[in-house]
Amino acid sequence: SPGSPGCAGSPGREGTDEARPASPRSR
């Protein structure tokens, strides 16, 4: 996915802090 680590165009740490991913249990 575009937001996965190592992928071109992935957001930095700032983006991940703003839109926190769902918990592993909910995923």
mmCIF file of all heavy atoms, coordinates in Angstrom:
data_MODEL
# 
_entry.id   MODEL 
# 
loop_
_atom_site.group_PDB 
_atom_site.id 
_atom_site.type_symbol 
_atom_site.label_atom_id 
_atom_site.label_alt_id 
_atom_site.label_comp_id 
_atom_site.label_asym_id 
_atom_site.label_entity_id 
_atom_site.label_seq_id 
_atom_site.pdbx_PDB_ins_code 
_atom_site.Cartn_x 
_atom_site.Cartn_y 
_atom_site.Cartn_z 
_atom_site.occupancy 
_atom_site.B_iso_or_equiv 
_atom_site.pdbx_formal_charge 
_atom_site.auth_seq_id 
_atom_site.auth_comp_id 
_atom_site.auth_asym_id 
_atom_site.auth_atom_id 
_atom_site.pdbx_PDB_model_num 
ATOM 1   N N   . SER A 1 1  ? 0.838  -1.185 0.000  1.00 0.00 ? 1  SER A N   1 
ATOM 2   C CA  . SER A 1 1  ? 0.000  0.000  0.000  1.00 0.00 ? 1  SER A CA  1 
ATOM 3   C C   . SER A 1 1  ? 0.872  1.233  0.000  1.00 0.00 ? 1  SER A C   1 
ATOM 4   O O   . SER A 1 1  ? 2.034  1.185  0.398  1.00 0.00 ? 1  SER A O   1 
ATOM 5   C CB  . SER A 1 1  ? -0.908 -0.011 1.232  1.00 0.00 ? 1  SER A CB  1 
ATOM 6   O OG  . SER A 1 1  ? -0.126 -0.006 2.406  1.00 0.00 ? 1  SER A OG  1 
ATOM 7   N N   . PRO A 1 2  ? 0.339  2.375  -0.421 1.00 0.00 ? 2  PRO A N   1 
ATOM 8   C CA  . PRO A 1 2  ? 1.150  3.584  -0.473 1.00 0.00 ? 2  PRO A CA  1 
ATOM 9   C C   . PRO A 1 2  ? 1.717  3.981  0.871  1.00 0.00 ? 2  PRO A C   1 
ATOM 10  O O   . PRO A 1 2  ? 2.742  4.634  0.949  1.00 0.00 ? 2  PRO A O   1 
ATOM 11  C CB  . PRO A 1 2  ? 0.161  4.644  -1.000 1.00 0.00 ? 2  PRO A CB  1 
ATOM 12  C CG  . PRO A 1 2  ? -0.860 3.870  -1.738 1.00 0.00 ? 2  PRO A CG  1 
ATOM 13  C CD  . PRO A 1 2  ? -0.978 2.564  -1.032 1.00 0.00 ? 2  PRO A CD  1 
ATOM 14  N N   . GLY A 1 3  ? 1.049  3.579  1.957  1.00 0.00 ? 3  GLY A N   1 
ATOM 15  C CA  . GLY A 1 3  ? 1.536  3.974  3.268  1.00 0.00 ? 3  GLY A CA  1 
ATOM 16  C C   . GLY A 1 3  ? 2.460  2.982  3.906  1.00 0.00 ? 3  GLY A C   1 
ATOM 17  O O   . GLY A 1 3  ? 2.864  3.150  5.056  1.00 0.00 ? 3  GLY A O   1 
ATOM 18  N N   . SER A 1 4  ? 2.824  1.890  3.183  1.00 0.00 ? 4  SER A N   1 
ATOM 19  C CA  . SER A 1 4  ? 3.670  0.865  3.785  1.00 0.00 ? 4  SER A CA  1 
ATOM 20  C C   . SER A 1 4  ? 5.116  1.314  3.764  1.00 0.00 ? 4  SER A C   1 
ATOM 21  O O   . SER A 1 4  ? 5.544  2.039  2.870  1.00 0.00 ? 4  SER A O   1 
ATOM 22  C CB  . SER A 1 4  ? 3.514  -0.453 3.028  1.00 0.00 ? 4  SER A CB  1 
ATOM 23  O OG  . SER A 1 4  ? 3.884  -0.281 1.691  1.00 0.00 ? 4  SER A OG  1 
ATOM 24  N N   . PRO A 1 5  ? 5.923  0.870  4.744  1.00 0.00 ? 5  PRO A N   1 
ATOM 25  C CA  . PRO A 1 5  ? 7.325  1.268  4.784  1.00 0.00 ? 5  PRO A CA  1 
ATOM 26  C C   . PRO A 1 5  ? 8.066  0.772  3.559  1.00 0.00 ? 5  PRO A C   1 
ATOM 27  O O   . PRO A 1 5  ? 7.850  -0.336 3.079  1.00 0.00 ? 5  PRO A O   1 
ATOM 28  C CB  . PRO A 1 5  ? 7.842  0.603  6.067  1.00 0.00 ? 5  PRO A CB  1 
ATOM 29  C CG  . PRO A 1 5  ? 6.623  0.325  6.872  1.00 0.00 ? 5  PRO A CG  1 
ATOM 30  C CD  . PRO A 1 5  ? 5.529  0.077  5.893  1.00 0.00 ? 5  PRO A CD  1 
ATOM 31  N N   . GLY A 1 6  ? 8.987  1.578  3.045  1.00 0.00 ? 6  GLY A N   1 
ATOM 32  C CA  . GLY A 1 6  ? 9.799  1.174  1.910  1.00 0.00 ? 6  GLY A CA  1 
ATOM 33  C C   . GLY A 1 6  ? 9.139  1.365  0.581  1.00 0.00 ? 6  GLY A C   1 
ATOM 34  O O   . GLY A 1 6  ? 9.678  0.982  -0.453 1.00 0.00 ? 6  GLY A O   1 
ATOM 35  N N   . CYS A 1 7  ? 7.937  1.929  0.557  1.00 0.00 ? 7  CYS A N   1 
ATOM 36  C CA  . CYS A 1 7  ? 7.230  2.135  -0.705 1.00 0.00 ? 7  CYS A CA  1 
ATOM 37  C C   . CYS A 1 7  ? 7.355  3.597  -1.101 1.00 0.00 ? 7  CYS A C   1 
ATOM 38  O O   . CYS A 1 7  ? 7.282  4.489  -0.252 1.00 0.00 ? 7  CYS A O   1 
ATOM 39  C CB  . CYS A 1 7  ? 5.751  1.762  -0.562 1.00 0.00 ? 7  CYS A CB  1 
ATOM 40  S SG  . CYS A 1 7  ? 4.803  1.959  -2.078 1.00 0.00 ? 7  CYS A SG  1 
ATOM 41  N N   . ALA A 1 8  ? 7.543  3.841  -2.386 1.00 0.00 ? 8  ALA A N   1 
ATOM 42  C CA  . ALA A 1 8  ? 7.703  5.210  -2.854 1.00 0.00 ? 8  ALA A CA  1 
ATOM 43  C C   . ALA A 1 8  ? 6.447  6.007  -2.566 1.00 0.00 ? 8  ALA A C   1 
ATOM 44  O O   . ALA A 1 8  ? 5.332  5.544  -2.808 1.00 0.00 ? 8  ALA A O   1 
ATOM 45  C CB  . ALA A 1 8  ? 8.004  5.218  -4.359 1.00 0.00 ? 8  ALA A CB  1 
ATOM 46  N N   . GLY A 1 9  ? 6.626  7.202  -2.071 1.00 0.00 ? 9  GLY A N   1 
ATOM 47  C CA  . GLY A 1 9  ? 5.490  8.054  -1.790 1.00 0.00 ? 9  GLY A CA  1 
ATOM 48  C C   . GLY A 1 9  ? 4.866  7.793  -0.447 1.00 0.00 ? 9  GLY A C   1 
ATOM 49  O O   . GLY A 1 9  ? 3.774  8.276  -0.169 1.00 0.00 ? 9  GLY A O   1 
ATOM 50  N N   . SER A 1 10 ? 5.501  6.966  0.392  1.00 0.00 ? 10 SER A N   1 
ATOM 51  C CA  . SER A 1 10 ? 4.927  6.691  1.697  1.00 0.00 ? 10 SER A CA  1 
ATOM 52  C C   . SER A 1 10 ? 5.134  7.885  2.595  1.00 0.00 ? 10 SER A C   1 
ATOM 53  O O   . SER A 1 10 ? 6.171  8.527  2.572  1.00 0.00 ? 10 SER A O   1 
ATOM 54  C CB  . SER A 1 10 ? 5.587  5.444  2.305  1.00 0.00 ? 10 SER A CB  1 
ATOM 55  O OG  . SER A 1 10 ? 6.966  5.663  2.468  1.00 0.00 ? 10 SER A OG  1 
ATOM 56  N N   . PRO A 1 11 ? 4.156  8.205  3.430  1.00 0.00 ? 11 PRO A N   1 
ATOM 57  C CA  . PRO A 1 11 ? 4.284  9.350  4.300  1.00 0.00 ? 11 PRO A CA  1 
ATOM 58  C C   . PRO A 1 11 ? 5.310  9.094  5.374  1.00 0.00 ? 11 PRO A C   1 
ATOM 59  O O   . PRO A 1 11 ? 5.609  7.963  5.726  1.00 0.00 ? 11 PRO A O   1 
ATOM 60  C CB  . PRO A 1 11 ? 2.869  9.508  4.891  1.00 0.00 ? 11 PRO A CB  1 
ATOM 61  C CG  . PRO A 1 11 ? 2.278  8.153  4.790  1.00 0.00 ? 11 PRO A CG  1 
ATOM 62  C CD  . PRO A 1 11 ? 2.862  7.545  3.557  1.00 0.00 ? 11 PRO A CD  1 
ATOM 63  N N   . GLY A 1 12 ? 5.832  10.146 5.904  1.00 0.00 ? 12 GLY A N   1 
ATOM 64  C CA  . GLY A 1 12 ? 6.822  10.021 6.970  1.00 0.00 ? 12 GLY A CA  1 
ATOM 65  C C   . GLY A 1 12 ? 6.179  9.742  8.294  1.00 0.00 ? 12 GLY A C   1 
ATOM 66  O O   . GLY A 1 12 ? 4.986  9.459  8.410  1.00 0.00 ? 12 GLY A O   1 
ATOM 67  N N   . ARG A 1 13 ? 6.985  9.864  9.328  1.00 0.00 ? 13 ARG A N   1 
ATOM 68  C CA  . ARG A 1 13 ? 6.499  9.579  10.664 1.00 0.00 ? 13 ARG A CA  1 
ATOM 69  C C   . ARG A 1 13 ? 5.420  10.571 11.083 1.00 0.00 ? 13 ARG A C   1 
ATOM 70  O O   . ARG A 1 13 ? 4.532  10.264 11.858 1.00 0.00 ? 13 ARG A O   1 
ATOM 71  C CB  . ARG A 1 13 ? 7.669  9.613  11.651 1.00 0.00 ? 13 ARG A CB  1 
ATOM 72  C CG  . ARG A 1 13 ? 7.299  9.249  13.086 1.00 0.00 ? 13 ARG A CG  1 
ATOM 73  C CD  . ARG A 1 13 ? 8.519  9.208  13.955 1.00 0.00 ? 13 ARG A CD  1 
ATOM 74  N NE  . ARG A 1 13 ? 9.453  8.198  13.494 1.00 0.00 ? 13 ARG A NE  1 
ATOM 75  C CZ  . ARG A 1 13 ? 9.396  6.931  13.863 1.00 0.00 ? 13 ARG A CZ  1 
ATOM 76  N NH1 . ARG A 1 13 ? 8.422  6.509  14.644 1.00 0.00 ? 13 ARG A NH1 1 
ATOM 77  N NH2 . ARG A 1 13 ? 10.304 6.074  13.431 1.00 0.00 ? 13 ARG A NH2 1 
ATOM 78  N N   . GLU A 1 14 ? 5.515  11.827 10.511 1.00 0.00 ? 14 GLU A N   1 
ATOM 79  C CA  . GLU A 1 14 ? 4.517  12.809 10.891 1.00 0.00 ? 14 GLU A CA  1 
ATOM 80  C C   . GLU A 1 14 ? 3.127  12.383 10.431 1.00 0.00 ? 14 GLU A C   1 
ATOM 81  O O   . GLU A 1 14 ? 2.142  12.563 11.144 1.00 0.00 ? 14 GLU A O   1 
ATOM 82  C CB  . GLU A 1 14 ? 4.858  14.170 10.269 1.00 0.00 ? 14 GLU A CB  1 
ATOM 83  C CG  . GLU A 1 14 ? 6.172  14.773 10.771 1.00 0.00 ? 14 GLU A CG  1 
ATOM 84  C CD  . GLU A 1 14 ? 7.376  14.186 10.036 1.00 0.00 ? 14 GLU A CD  1 
ATOM 85  O OE1 . GLU A 1 14 ? 7.158  13.329 9.147  1.00 0.00 ? 14 GLU A OE1 1 
ATOM 86  O OE2 . GLU A 1 14 ? 8.517  14.578 10.343 1.00 0.00 ? 14 GLU A OE2 1 
ATOM 87  N N   . GLY A 1 15 ? 3.041  11.808 9.214  1.00 0.00 ? 15 GLY A N   1 
ATOM 88  C CA  . GLY A 1 15 ? 1.738  11.367 8.722  1.00 0.00 ? 15 GLY A CA  1 
ATOM 89  C C   . GLY A 1 15 ? 1.178  10.231 9.527  1.00 0.00 ? 15 GLY A C   1 
ATOM 90  O O   . GLY A 1 15 ? -0.024 10.148 9.764  1.00 0.00 ? 15 GLY A O   1 
ATOM 91  N N   . THR A 1 16 ? 2.036  9.322  9.940  1.00 0.00 ? 16 THR A N   1 
ATOM 92  C CA  . THR A 1 16 ? 1.535  8.198  10.721 1.00 0.00 ? 16 THR A CA  1 
ATOM 93  C C   . THR A 1 16 ? 1.087  8.636  12.094 1.00 0.00 ? 16 THR A C   1 
ATOM 94  O O   . THR A 1 16 ? 0.230  7.996  12.706 1.00 0.00 ? 16 THR A O   1 
ATOM 95  C CB  . THR A 1 16 ? 2.630  7.128  10.859 1.00 0.00 ? 16 THR A CB  1 
ATOM 96  O OG1 . THR A 1 16 ? 3.776  7.718  11.478 1.00 0.00 ? 16 THR A OG1 1 
ATOM 97  C CG2 . THR A 1 16 ? 3.019  6.586  9.495  1.00 0.00 ? 16 THR A CG2 1 
ATOM 98  N N   . ASP A 1 17 ? 1.641  9.700  12.607 1.00 0.00 ? 17 ASP A N   1 
ATOM 99  C CA  . ASP A 1 17 ? 1.194  10.178 13.897 1.00 0.00 ? 17 ASP A CA  1 
ATOM 100 C C   . ASP A 1 17 ? -0.177 10.819 13.803 1.00 0.00 ? 17 ASP A C   1 
ATOM 101 O O   . ASP A 1 17 ? -0.982 10.738 14.733 1.00 0.00 ? 17 ASP A O   1 
ATOM 102 C CB  . ASP A 1 17 ? 2.193  11.207 14.458 1.00 0.00 ? 17 ASP A CB  1 
ATOM 103 C CG  . ASP A 1 17 ? 3.512  10.552 14.841 1.00 0.00 ? 17 ASP A CG  1 
ATOM 104 O OD1 . ASP A 1 17 ? 3.476  9.332  15.074 1.00 0.00 ? 17 ASP A OD1 1 
ATOM 105 O OD2 . ASP A 1 17 ? 4.537  11.254 14.901 1.00 0.00 ? 17 ASP A OD2 1 
ATOM 106 N N   . GLU A 1 18 ? -0.455 11.491 12.654 1.00 0.00 ? 18 GLU A N   1 
ATOM 107 C CA  . GLU A 1 18 ? -1.747 12.139 12.516 1.00 0.00 ? 18 GLU A CA  1 
ATOM 108 C C   . GLU A 1 18 ? -2.866 11.138 12.267 1.00 0.00 ? 18 GLU A C   1 
ATOM 109 O O   . GLU A 1 18 ? -3.962 11.270 12.786 1.00 0.00 ? 18 GLU A O   1 
ATOM 110 C CB  . GLU A 1 18 ? -1.689 13.151 11.359 1.00 0.00 ? 18 GLU A CB  1 
ATOM 111 C CG  . GLU A 1 18 ? -0.736 14.316 11.634 1.00 0.00 ? 18 GLU A CG  1 
ATOM 112 C CD  . GLU A 1 18 ? -0.659 15.255 10.452 1.00 0.00 ? 18 GLU A CD  1 
ATOM 113 O OE1 . GLU A 1 18 ? -1.349 14.973 9.431  1.00 0.00 ? 18 GLU A OE1 1 
ATOM 114 O OE2 . GLU A 1 18 ? 0.075  16.246 10.533 1.00 0.00 ? 18 GLU A OE2 1 
ATOM 115 N N   . ALA A 1 19 ? -2.598 10.143 11.410 1.00 0.00 ? 19 ALA A N   1 
ATOM 116 C CA  . ALA A 1 19 ? -3.605 9.119  11.110 1.00 0.00 ? 19 ALA A CA  1 
ATOM 117 C C   . ALA A 1 19 ? -3.090 7.791  11.625 1.00 0.00 ? 19 ALA A C   1 
ATOM 118 O O   . ALA A 1 19 ? -2.426 7.049  10.915 1.00 0.00 ? 19 ALA A O   1 
ATOM 119 C CB  . ALA A 1 19 ? -3.868 9.059  9.605  1.00 0.00 ? 19 ALA A CB  1 
ATOM 120 N N   . ARG A 1 20 ? -3.379 7.505  12.846 1.00 0.00 ? 20 ARG A N   1 
ATOM 121 C CA  . ARG A 1 20 ? -2.872 6.291  13.480 1.00 0.00 ? 20 ARG A CA  1 
ATOM 122 C C   . ARG A 1 20 ? -3.611 5.087  12.922 1.00 0.00 ? 20 ARG A C   1 
ATOM 123 O O   . ARG A 1 20 ? -4.847 5.094  12.816 1.00 0.00 ? 20 ARG A O   1 
ATOM 124 C CB  . ARG A 1 20 ? -3.043 6.370  14.992 1.00 0.00 ? 20 ARG A CB  1 
ATOM 125 C CG  . ARG A 1 20 ? -2.340 7.575  15.605 1.00 0.00 ? 20 ARG A CG  1 
ATOM 126 C CD  . ARG A 1 20 ? -2.427 7.545  17.104 1.00 0.00 ? 20 ARG A CD  1 
ATOM 127 N NE  . ARG A 1 20 ? -1.745 6.367  17.636 1.00 0.00 ? 20 ARG A NE  1 
ATOM 128 C CZ  . ARG A 1 20 ? -1.651 6.117  18.959 1.00 0.00 ? 20 ARG A CZ  1 
ATOM 129 N NH1 . ARG A 1 20 ? -2.207 6.937  19.817 1.00 0.00 ? 20 ARG A NH1 1 
ATOM 130 N NH2 . ARG A 1 20 ? -1.022 5.049  19.373 1.00 0.00 ? 20 ARG A NH2 1 
ATOM 131 N N   . PRO A 1 21 ? -2.910 4.036  12.590 1.00 0.00 ? 21 PRO A N   1 
ATOM 132 C CA  . PRO A 1 21 ? -3.574 2.850  12.034 1.00 0.00 ? 21 PRO A CA  1 
ATOM 133 C C   . PRO A 1 21 ? -4.391 2.142  13.101 1.00 0.00 ? 21 PRO A C   1 
ATOM 134 O O   . PRO A 1 21 ? -4.214 2.346  14.301 1.00 0.00 ? 21 PRO A O   1 
ATOM 135 C CB  . PRO A 1 21 ? -2.400 1.986  11.557 1.00 0.00 ? 21 PRO A CB  1 
ATOM 136 C CG  . PRO A 1 21 ? -1.237 2.409  12.407 1.00 0.00 ? 21 PRO A CG  1 
ATOM 137 C CD  . PRO A 1 21 ? -1.441 3.874  12.670 1.00 0.00 ? 21 PRO A CD  1 
ATOM 138 N N   . ALA A 1 22 ? -5.300 1.294  12.628 1.00 0.00 ? 22 ALA A N   1 
ATOM 139 C CA  . ALA A 1 22 ? -6.124 0.537  13.550 1.00 0.00 ? 22 ALA A CA  1 
ATOM 140 C C   . ALA A 1 22 ? -5.272 -0.474 14.301 1.00 0.00 ? 22 ALA A C   1 
ATOM 141 O O   . ALA A 1 22 ? -4.186 -0.855 13.867 1.00 0.00 ? 22 ALA A O   1 
ATOM 142 C CB  . ALA A 1 22 ? -7.242 -0.173 12.778 1.00 0.00 ? 22 ALA A CB  1 
ATOM 143 N N   . SER A 1 23 ? -5.781 -0.898 15.433 1.00 0.00 ? 23 SER A N   1 
ATOM 144 C CA  . SER A 1 23 ? -5.049 -1.856 16.250 1.00 0.00 ? 23 SER A CA  1 
ATOM 145 C C   . SER A 1 23 ? -4.965 -3.198 15.534 1.00 0.00 ? 23 SER A C   1 
ATOM 146 O O   . SER A 1 23 ? -5.807 -3.515 14.684 1.00 0.00 ? 23 SER A O   1 
ATOM 147 C CB  . SER A 1 23 ? -5.750 -2.025 17.595 1.00 0.00 ? 23 SER A CB  1 
ATOM 148 O OG  . SER A 1 23 ? -7.040 -2.566 17.417 1.00 0.00 ? 23 SER A OG  1 
ATOM 149 N N   . PRO A 1 24 ? -3.947 -4.002 15.867 1.00 0.00 ? 24 PRO A N   1 
ATOM 150 C CA  . PRO A 1 24 ? -3.843 -5.321 15.209 1.00 0.00 ? 24 PRO A CA  1 
ATOM 151 C C   . PRO A 1 24 ? -5.074 -6.183 15.419 1.00 0.00 ? 24 PRO A C   1 
ATOM 152 O O   . PRO A 1 24 ? -5.452 -6.948 14.532 1.00 0.00 ? 24 PRO A O   1 
ATOM 153 C CB  . PRO A 1 24 ? -2.597 -5.927 15.869 1.00 0.00 ? 24 PRO A CB  1 
ATOM 154 C CG  . PRO A 1 24 ? -1.797 -4.746 16.334 1.00 0.00 ? 24 PRO A CG  1 
ATOM 155 C CD  . PRO A 1 24 ? -2.803 -3.713 16.721 1.00 0.00 ? 24 PRO A CD  1 
ATOM 156 N N   . ARG A 1 25 ? -5.714 -6.063 16.578 1.00 0.00 ? 25 ARG A N   1 
ATOM 157 C CA  . ARG A 1 25 ? -6.897 -6.892 16.822 1.00 0.00 ? 25 ARG A CA  1 
ATOM 158 C C   . ARG A 1 25 ? -8.046 -6.497 15.904 1.00 0.00 ? 25 ARG A C   1 
ATOM 159 O O   . ARG A 1 25 ? -8.707 -7.361 15.314 1.00 0.00 ? 25 ARG A O   1 
ATOM 160 C CB  . ARG A 1 25 ? -7.332 -6.757 18.281 1.00 0.00 ? 25 ARG A CB  1 
ATOM 161 C CG  . ARG A 1 25 ? -8.611 -7.519 18.608 1.00 0.00 ? 25 ARG A CG  1 
ATOM 162 C CD  . ARG A 1 25 ? -8.963 -7.424 20.075 1.00 0.00 ? 25 ARG A CD  1 
ATOM 163 N NE  . ARG A 1 25 ? -7.926 -8.024 20.904 1.00 0.00 ? 25 ARG A NE  1 
ATOM 164 C CZ  . ARG A 1 25 ? -7.989 -8.082 22.243 1.00 0.00 ? 25 ARG A CZ  1 
ATOM 165 N NH1 . ARG A 1 25 ? -9.033 -7.557 22.867 1.00 0.00 ? 25 ARG A NH1 1 
ATOM 166 N NH2 . ARG A 1 25 ? -7.023 -8.654 22.929 1.00 0.00 ? 25 ARG A NH2 1 
ATOM 167 N N   . SER A 1 26 ? -8.291 -5.178 15.748 1.00 0.00 ? 26 SER A N   1 
ATOM 168 C CA  . SER A 1 26 ? -9.384 -4.754 14.871 1.00 0.00 ? 26 SER A CA  1 
ATOM 169 C C   . SER A 1 26 ? -9.088 -5.089 13.413 1.00 0.00 ? 26 SER A C   1 
ATOM 170 O O   . SER A 1 26 ? -9.984 -5.469 12.654 1.00 0.00 ? 26 SER A O   1 
ATOM 171 C CB  . SER A 1 26 ? -9.621 -3.250 15.023 1.00 0.00 ? 26 SER A CB  1 
ATOM 172 O OG  . SER A 1 26 ? -8.464 -2.523 14.644 1.00 0.00 ? 26 SER A OG  1 
ATOM 173 N N   . ARG A 1 27 ? -7.815 -4.957 13.008 1.00 0.00 ? 27 ARG A N   1 
ATOM 174 C CA  . ARG A 1 27 ? -7.461 -5.346 11.642 1.00 0.00 ? 27 ARG A CA  1 
ATOM 175 C C   . ARG A 1 27 ? -7.666 -6.834 11.431 1.00 0.00 ? 27 ARG A C   1 
ATOM 176 O O   . ARG A 1 27 ? -8.118 -7.266 10.367 1.00 0.00 ? 27 ARG A O   1 
ATOM 177 C CB  . ARG A 1 27 ? -6.011 -4.962 11.342 1.00 0.00 ? 27 ARG A CB  1 
ATOM 178 C CG  . ARG A 1 27 ? -5.782 -3.468 11.196 1.00 0.00 ? 27 ARG A CG  1 
ATOM 179 C CD  . ARG A 1 27 ? -4.480 -3.201 10.449 1.00 0.00 ? 27 ARG A CD  1 
ATOM 180 N NE  . ARG A 1 27 ? -3.344 -3.830 11.113 1.00 0.00 ? 27 ARG A NE  1 
ATOM 181 C CZ  . ARG A 1 27 ? -2.585 -3.237 12.019 1.00 0.00 ? 27 ARG A CZ  1 
ATOM 182 N NH1 . ARG A 1 27 ? -2.845 -1.985 12.380 1.00 0.00 ? 27 ARG A NH1 1 
ATOM 183 N NH2 . ARG A 1 27 ? -1.552 -3.857 12.568 1.00 0.00 ? 27 ARG A NH2 1 
# 
